[in-house]
Every structure is written in C-alpha cells, then in structure tokens.
Amino acid sequence: MSTEKPVTANPWAHLRSHTPARIALGRAGPSLPTREVLAFGVAHARARDAVHLALDADALEAQLRVDGYASARVQSAAPDRATYLARPDLGRRLGEQSAGRLIPKDDPPDIVVAIEDGLSAVAVQKHAVPLLSALRAIAPQRWAGLTVVIAQQGRVALGDEIGERLGARLVVVMIGERPGLSSPDSLGIYLTHAPRIGRTDAERNCISNIRPEGLAYADAAARLDWLAAAALGRGVTGIALKDESSAPALE
C-alpha cells in the first residue's frame, strides 16, 4: 500500500504569508492541487467581474455629498461598456452632451479631481471617497471644496479634456486599474499639470495599487499631496517631476 501523500507541499509555503502572489502552491502529481485550481478560478472570475461591473454613479455621488463634495457627472464618447472595452480611443474623449456640461468658472480651480470607472469600477466605488477624506485630513486648504467630476466609461486621458474645459491648473484622475488575479479593486492616480487634449503619459505622474492590501490611503494621500503641491509650485508633472515625497526634508 502506497504511503505517498496525494499533495506534495512546497517547502517555501511559509513565504505565502508575506505576499498575495501565487507562489509555493505545491503539486498533485504533475498538476496543481485542486484547492489551488479552484482558487485561481475564483480570482479569475473576480477580475472579469471587476472589468464588466458598471459604476454605481448615484451611490458614489451620494457618498461624495455626505463627505462634503459636490460633483458633476459626465460620460465619455463610449456609449456602453462593450464599446468602451473595444474602443479605448472613445474612452479618452467626452461625449457630445457631457462636454457641454463642463463650463469654466470665472475663478478656475487649481485642482480638478476626475473620478473615472476605468477597468475596475469596484476600485473607484470602494476607495475614491476614503482617499479624498485622507487628503483633506492632510491638507484641507488644498483638498477641501474641490471640483469633482464623476466620469463613466473613462480612460486616463479623459481627464485632460475635463481639466482643460474647467480651466484647471492640475487634474487628478482617480481610476480603476486593470484587475490582477490578486487585486481586482486596485485604484490608480494620474496627475497632469496644465491638462489639455493631446497630453502624453510622459507628462503625468502615477500612483498605483491604492487599496488596504496595497498602498494604504494615508500613504497614498501623503504622496499625492506632495506631488500636487510640487506640480503647482514648479509648473510640471511627468518625467520633469520626480516623486521625492519619501525623501528627508532639507534643513
């Protein structure tokens, strides 16, 4: 009678407590153990759901209102989720009706925050408002009374047109990132100084993986606030602005 165990454990299994990555899974013969195959299927389903799930803009607007933020709502030129996924270019421009809703004020804002569903509406739904709260706690003079725009079916570059139409000096795009198998709800931030249609990714700064299991709200807020202040002070973002938020202060 064979005493061989059906599953052979990986000797590095203890490392799994330090990372959500799929390492040290063990094996069952030449294959993965059944529990790992099933776990992979669940993670893959969550990632797919995150991509296709629609943003509940009404609920997000209500959350913002409770937290003291008024917001406008717009949509990209992509009329629905299927078109948005197939035509990234449409997600980078405002729809015709939405463009007319963004009217510049006599006193343009320094910062406009565009909250966009991106490729994970669940990330925006869960993390955008707590992050704004963390920002206001750090620097209320900069983050209280913000101009906030909720944008559906939006890509990162949509923020350029939003910021340009509102005359902002800086646009901060909070967007759901492409889901991973261990992170279906990761929020990303993109900052662009002097936003206008045609800006490139080289002209942006990015902060990614914002969620409790990744970059915590307080840490993300501290980094974003430093970058925003530096961008407004120096008049640049992107490759011209290095993130030195964690560097020791100069005497």
Protein backbone atom coordinates (compact mmCIF):
# COMPACT_ATOMS: atom_id res chain seq x y z
CA MET A 1 0.00 0.00 0.00
CA SER A 2 1.45 3.35 -1.01
CA THR A 3 2.07 5.91 1.73
CA GLU A 4 2.73 8.74 -0.68
CA LYS A 5 0.58 11.79 0.02
CA PRO A 6 -1.69 12.96 -2.84
CA VAL A 7 -0.42 16.56 -2.47
CA THR A 8 3.24 17.48 -2.18
CA ALA A 9 3.69 20.70 -0.23
CA ASN A 10 6.17 23.30 -1.40
CA PRO A 11 8.99 23.94 1.12
CA TRP A 12 8.61 27.69 0.53
CA ALA A 13 4.98 27.67 1.67
CA HIS A 14 5.78 29.94 4.64
CA LEU A 15 6.57 32.75 2.20
CA ARG A 16 2.93 32.95 1.19
CA SER A 17 2.13 34.83 4.39
CA HIS A 18 4.16 37.76 3.03
CA THR A 19 2.60 38.15 -0.41
CA PRO A 20 -0.67 37.59 -2.29
CA ALA A 21 1.34 36.32 -5.27
CA ARG A 22 0.75 32.71 -6.33
CA ILE A 23 3.96 31.10 -5.09
CA ALA A 24 4.70 27.80 -3.35
CA LEU A 25 1.42 26.24 -4.47
CA GLY A 26 2.50 22.63 -4.07
CA ARG A 27 1.59 19.92 -6.56
CA ALA A 28 -0.56 16.86 -7.01
CA GLY A 29 1.41 14.63 -9.36
CA PRO A 30 2.30 16.81 -12.35
CA SER A 31 -0.55 19.25 -11.67
CA LEU A 32 -1.65 21.84 -9.15
CA PRO A 33 -3.65 20.77 -6.07
CA THR A 34 -7.41 21.03 -6.56
CA ARG A 35 -7.73 23.82 -3.99
CA GLU A 36 -5.28 25.97 -5.94
CA VAL A 37 -7.06 25.33 -9.24
CA LEU A 38 -10.35 26.37 -7.64
CA ALA A 39 -8.77 29.44 -6.01
CA PHE A 40 -7.38 30.50 -9.38
CA GLY A 41 -10.84 30.15 -10.95
CA VAL A 42 -12.39 32.34 -8.25
CA ALA A 43 -9.69 35.01 -8.66
CA HIS A 44 -10.10 34.98 -12.44
CA ALA A 45 -13.87 35.36 -12.11
CA ARG A 46 -13.46 38.31 -9.73
CA ALA A 47 -11.10 40.01 -12.15
CA ARG A 48 -13.52 39.55 -15.06
CA ASP A 49 -16.42 40.79 -12.95
CA ALA A 50 -14.44 43.89 -12.00
CA VAL A 51 -13.87 44.75 -15.67
CA HIS A 52 -17.53 44.39 -16.63
CA LEU A 53 -19.22 45.73 -13.49
CA ALA A 54 -20.87 49.12 -14.01
CA LEU A 55 -20.12 52.05 -11.74
CA ASP A 56 -22.99 52.98 -9.43
CA ALA A 57 -22.64 56.70 -10.06
CA ASP A 58 -25.69 57.55 -7.93
CA ALA A 59 -24.20 55.84 -4.89
CA LEU A 60 -20.80 57.44 -5.47
CA GLU A 61 -22.36 60.87 -5.82
CA ALA A 62 -24.27 60.31 -2.58
CA GLN A 63 -21.05 59.25 -0.81
CA LEU A 64 -19.31 62.38 -2.03
CA ARG A 65 -22.20 64.57 -0.92
CA VAL A 66 -22.14 63.09 2.59
CA ASP A 67 -18.40 63.77 2.71
CA GLY A 68 -18.96 67.38 1.70
CA TYR A 69 -18.11 67.26 -2.01
CA ALA A 70 -20.40 68.45 -4.79
CA SER A 71 -19.83 66.67 -8.09
CA ALA A 72 -20.71 66.85 -11.77
CA ARG A 73 -21.33 63.76 -13.91
CA VAL A 74 -20.12 63.13 -17.43
CA GLN A 75 -19.60 60.22 -19.78
CA SER A 76 -17.01 59.54 -22.44
CA ALA A 77 -17.83 59.06 -26.10
CA ALA A 78 -18.17 55.33 -25.45
CA PRO A 79 -21.93 54.77 -25.09
CA ASP A 80 -21.72 51.47 -23.21
CA ARG A 81 -19.30 49.06 -21.54
CA ALA A 82 -18.84 46.80 -24.54
CA THR A 83 -17.90 49.73 -26.76
CA TYR A 84 -15.61 51.11 -24.08
CA LEU A 85 -13.65 47.87 -23.90
CA ALA A 86 -13.40 47.51 -27.67
CA ARG A 87 -12.66 51.18 -28.45
CA PRO A 88 -10.17 52.70 -25.99
CA ASP A 89 -10.00 55.85 -28.12
CA LEU A 90 -13.64 56.68 -27.35
CA GLY A 91 -12.94 56.47 -23.64
CA ARG A 92 -10.38 59.27 -23.97
CA ARG A 93 -12.86 61.92 -25.17
CA LEU A 94 -16.04 63.33 -23.69
CA GLY A 95 -19.39 62.54 -25.23
CA GLU A 96 -21.02 65.46 -27.02
CA GLN A 97 -23.68 66.08 -24.37
CA SER A 98 -21.20 65.73 -21.49
CA ALA A 99 -18.79 68.25 -22.99
CA GLY A 100 -21.45 70.95 -22.76
CA ARG A 101 -21.91 70.37 -19.02
CA LEU A 102 -18.37 71.44 -18.12
CA ILE A 103 -18.36 75.21 -18.15
CA PRO A 104 -15.31 77.08 -16.82
CA LYS A 105 -15.85 79.38 -13.86
CA ASP A 106 -14.71 82.98 -13.60
CA ASP A 107 -12.21 81.78 -11.00
CA PRO A 108 -10.84 78.48 -12.39
CA PRO A 109 -9.87 75.84 -9.82
CA ASP A 110 -6.26 74.92 -9.11
CA ILE A 111 -7.16 71.23 -8.90
CA VAL A 112 -9.92 69.20 -10.54
CA VAL A 113 -10.42 65.59 -9.44
CA ALA A 114 -11.86 63.29 -12.11
CA ILE A 115 -13.15 60.02 -10.65
CA GLU A 116 -13.36 57.50 -13.50
CA ASP A 117 -14.51 53.89 -13.52
CA GLY A 118 -11.67 52.72 -15.80
CA LEU A 119 -11.22 48.96 -15.83
CA SER A 120 -12.40 48.39 -12.26
CA ALA A 121 -15.46 50.29 -11.13
CA VAL A 122 -15.34 48.42 -7.82
CA ALA A 123 -11.98 50.06 -7.04
CA VAL A 124 -13.45 53.52 -7.52
CA GLN A 125 -16.58 52.66 -5.58
CA LYS A 126 -14.56 51.43 -2.60
CA HIS A 127 -11.54 53.70 -2.45
CA ALA A 128 -12.14 57.11 -4.05
CA VAL A 129 -14.07 58.73 -1.19
CA PRO A 130 -11.84 57.37 1.63
CA LEU A 131 -8.81 58.64 -0.28
CA LEU A 132 -10.34 62.11 -0.63
CA SER A 133 -11.02 62.09 3.12
CA ALA A 134 -7.39 61.19 3.81
CA LEU A 135 -6.25 64.03 1.54
CA ARG A 136 -8.46 66.56 3.28
CA ALA A 137 -7.12 65.44 6.66
CA ILE A 138 -3.55 66.08 5.48
CA ALA A 139 -4.04 69.42 3.71
CA PRO A 140 -7.57 70.85 3.96
CA GLN A 141 -6.51 74.09 2.27
CA ARG A 142 -5.77 72.12 -0.89
CA TRP A 143 -8.34 69.34 -0.85
CA ALA A 144 -11.47 70.76 0.78
CA GLY A 145 -14.09 72.27 -1.52
CA LEU A 146 -12.70 70.52 -4.58
CA THR A 147 -14.19 70.48 -8.03
CA VAL A 148 -15.04 66.78 -8.52
CA VAL A 149 -16.23 65.19 -11.75
CA ILE A 150 -17.56 61.61 -11.94
CA ALA A 151 -16.78 60.20 -15.39
CA GLN A 152 -18.21 56.92 -16.68
CA GLN A 153 -16.53 54.78 -19.37
CA GLY A 154 -13.39 56.84 -18.91
CA ARG A 155 -9.73 56.27 -19.76
CA VAL A 156 -6.89 58.21 -18.14
CA ALA A 157 -6.64 60.78 -20.94
CA LEU A 158 -10.27 61.76 -20.47
CA GLY A 159 -9.07 63.80 -17.51
CA ASP A 160 -7.10 66.03 -19.88
CA GLU A 161 -10.25 67.23 -21.60
CA ILE A 162 -12.12 67.56 -18.30
CA GLY A 163 -9.35 69.65 -16.80
CA GLU A 164 -8.96 71.76 -19.92
CA ARG A 165 -12.66 72.56 -20.15
CA LEU A 166 -12.75 73.61 -16.49
CA GLY A 167 -9.55 75.66 -16.79
CA ALA A 168 -7.75 73.71 -14.06
CA ARG A 169 -4.05 74.07 -13.39
CA LEU A 170 -3.85 70.40 -12.39
CA VAL A 171 -6.10 67.41 -13.00
CA VAL A 172 -6.02 64.41 -10.68
CA VAL A 173 -7.55 61.30 -12.23
CA MET A 174 -8.64 58.58 -9.81
CA ILE A 175 -9.31 55.49 -11.90
CA GLY A 176 -9.88 51.77 -11.52
CA GLU A 177 -6.78 49.90 -12.68
CA ARG A 178 -6.72 46.78 -14.81
CA PRO A 179 -7.58 43.95 -12.36
CA GLY A 180 -4.98 41.38 -11.44
CA LEU A 181 -5.64 37.89 -10.13
CA SER A 182 -4.89 39.10 -6.60
CA SER A 183 -6.08 42.70 -6.95
CA PRO A 184 -9.48 43.21 -8.62
CA ASP A 185 -10.02 46.50 -6.76
CA SER A 186 -6.81 48.48 -7.25
CA LEU A 187 -7.14 52.26 -7.61
CA GLY A 188 -4.66 54.32 -9.62
CA ILE A 189 -3.99 58.06 -9.66
CA TYR A 190 -2.64 60.14 -12.53
CA LEU A 191 -1.62 63.80 -12.17
CA THR A 192 -1.26 66.10 -15.18
CA HIS A 193 -0.26 69.77 -14.98
CA ALA A 194 -1.93 72.19 -17.40
CA PRO A 195 -4.24 69.46 -18.74
CA ARG A 196 -5.27 69.65 -22.37
CA ILE A 197 -6.18 67.22 -25.12
CA GLY A 198 -3.07 65.61 -26.51
CA ARG A 199 -1.05 65.30 -23.31
CA THR A 200 1.05 62.12 -23.21
CA ASP A 201 1.75 59.64 -20.43
CA ALA A 202 5.28 61.07 -20.17
CA GLU A 203 3.63 64.25 -18.87
CA ARG A 204 1.87 62.50 -16.00
CA ASN A 205 2.81 61.18 -12.57
CA CYS A 206 1.23 57.93 -11.42
CA ILE A 207 0.50 56.35 -8.05
CA SER A 208 -0.85 52.80 -8.27
CA ASN A 209 -2.21 49.87 -6.24
CA ILE A 210 -4.14 52.00 -3.75
CA ARG A 211 -6.20 49.69 -1.55
CA PRO A 212 -5.93 48.38 2.02
CA GLU A 213 -3.92 45.34 0.86
CA GLY A 214 -1.58 47.52 -1.21
CA LEU A 215 -0.73 51.20 -0.74
CA ALA A 216 -2.73 52.44 2.25
CA TYR A 217 -4.94 55.53 1.97
CA ALA A 218 -2.77 57.61 4.30
CA ASP A 219 0.43 56.75 2.42
CA ALA A 220 -1.18 57.38 -0.98
CA ALA A 221 -2.63 60.68 0.23
CA ALA A 222 0.76 61.86 1.54
CA ARG A 223 2.43 61.03 -1.77
CA LEU A 224 -0.36 62.61 -3.83
CA ASP A 225 -0.40 65.77 -1.75
CA TRP A 226 3.37 66.17 -2.13
CA LEU A 227 3.17 65.68 -5.89
CA ALA A 228 0.23 68.06 -6.26
CA ALA A 229 1.97 70.79 -4.27
CA ALA A 230 5.18 70.30 -6.23
CA ALA A 231 3.34 70.28 -9.57
CA LEU A 232 1.54 73.54 -8.79
CA GLY A 233 4.71 75.13 -7.45
CA ARG A 234 7.03 74.07 -10.27
CA GLY A 235 4.54 74.01 -13.13
CA VAL A 236 5.39 70.49 -14.30
CA THR A 237 4.40 66.84 -13.97
CA GLY A 238 5.63 63.62 -15.54
CA ILE A 239 9.29 62.98 -16.26
CA ALA A 240 10.08 66.54 -15.19
CA LEU A 241 8.78 65.90 -11.66
CA LYS A 242 10.45 63.23 -9.54
CA ASP A 243 8.49 61.86 -6.60
CA GLU A 244 10.57 62.86 -3.59
CA SER A 245 7.76 62.60 -1.06
CA SER A 246 9.65 60.00 0.98
CA ALA A 247 12.96 61.86 0.91
CA PRO A 248 14.11 63.50 4.15
CA ALA A 249 13.35 67.19 4.35
CA LEU A 250 16.28 69.53 3.69
CA GLU A 251 17.36 71.72 6.59
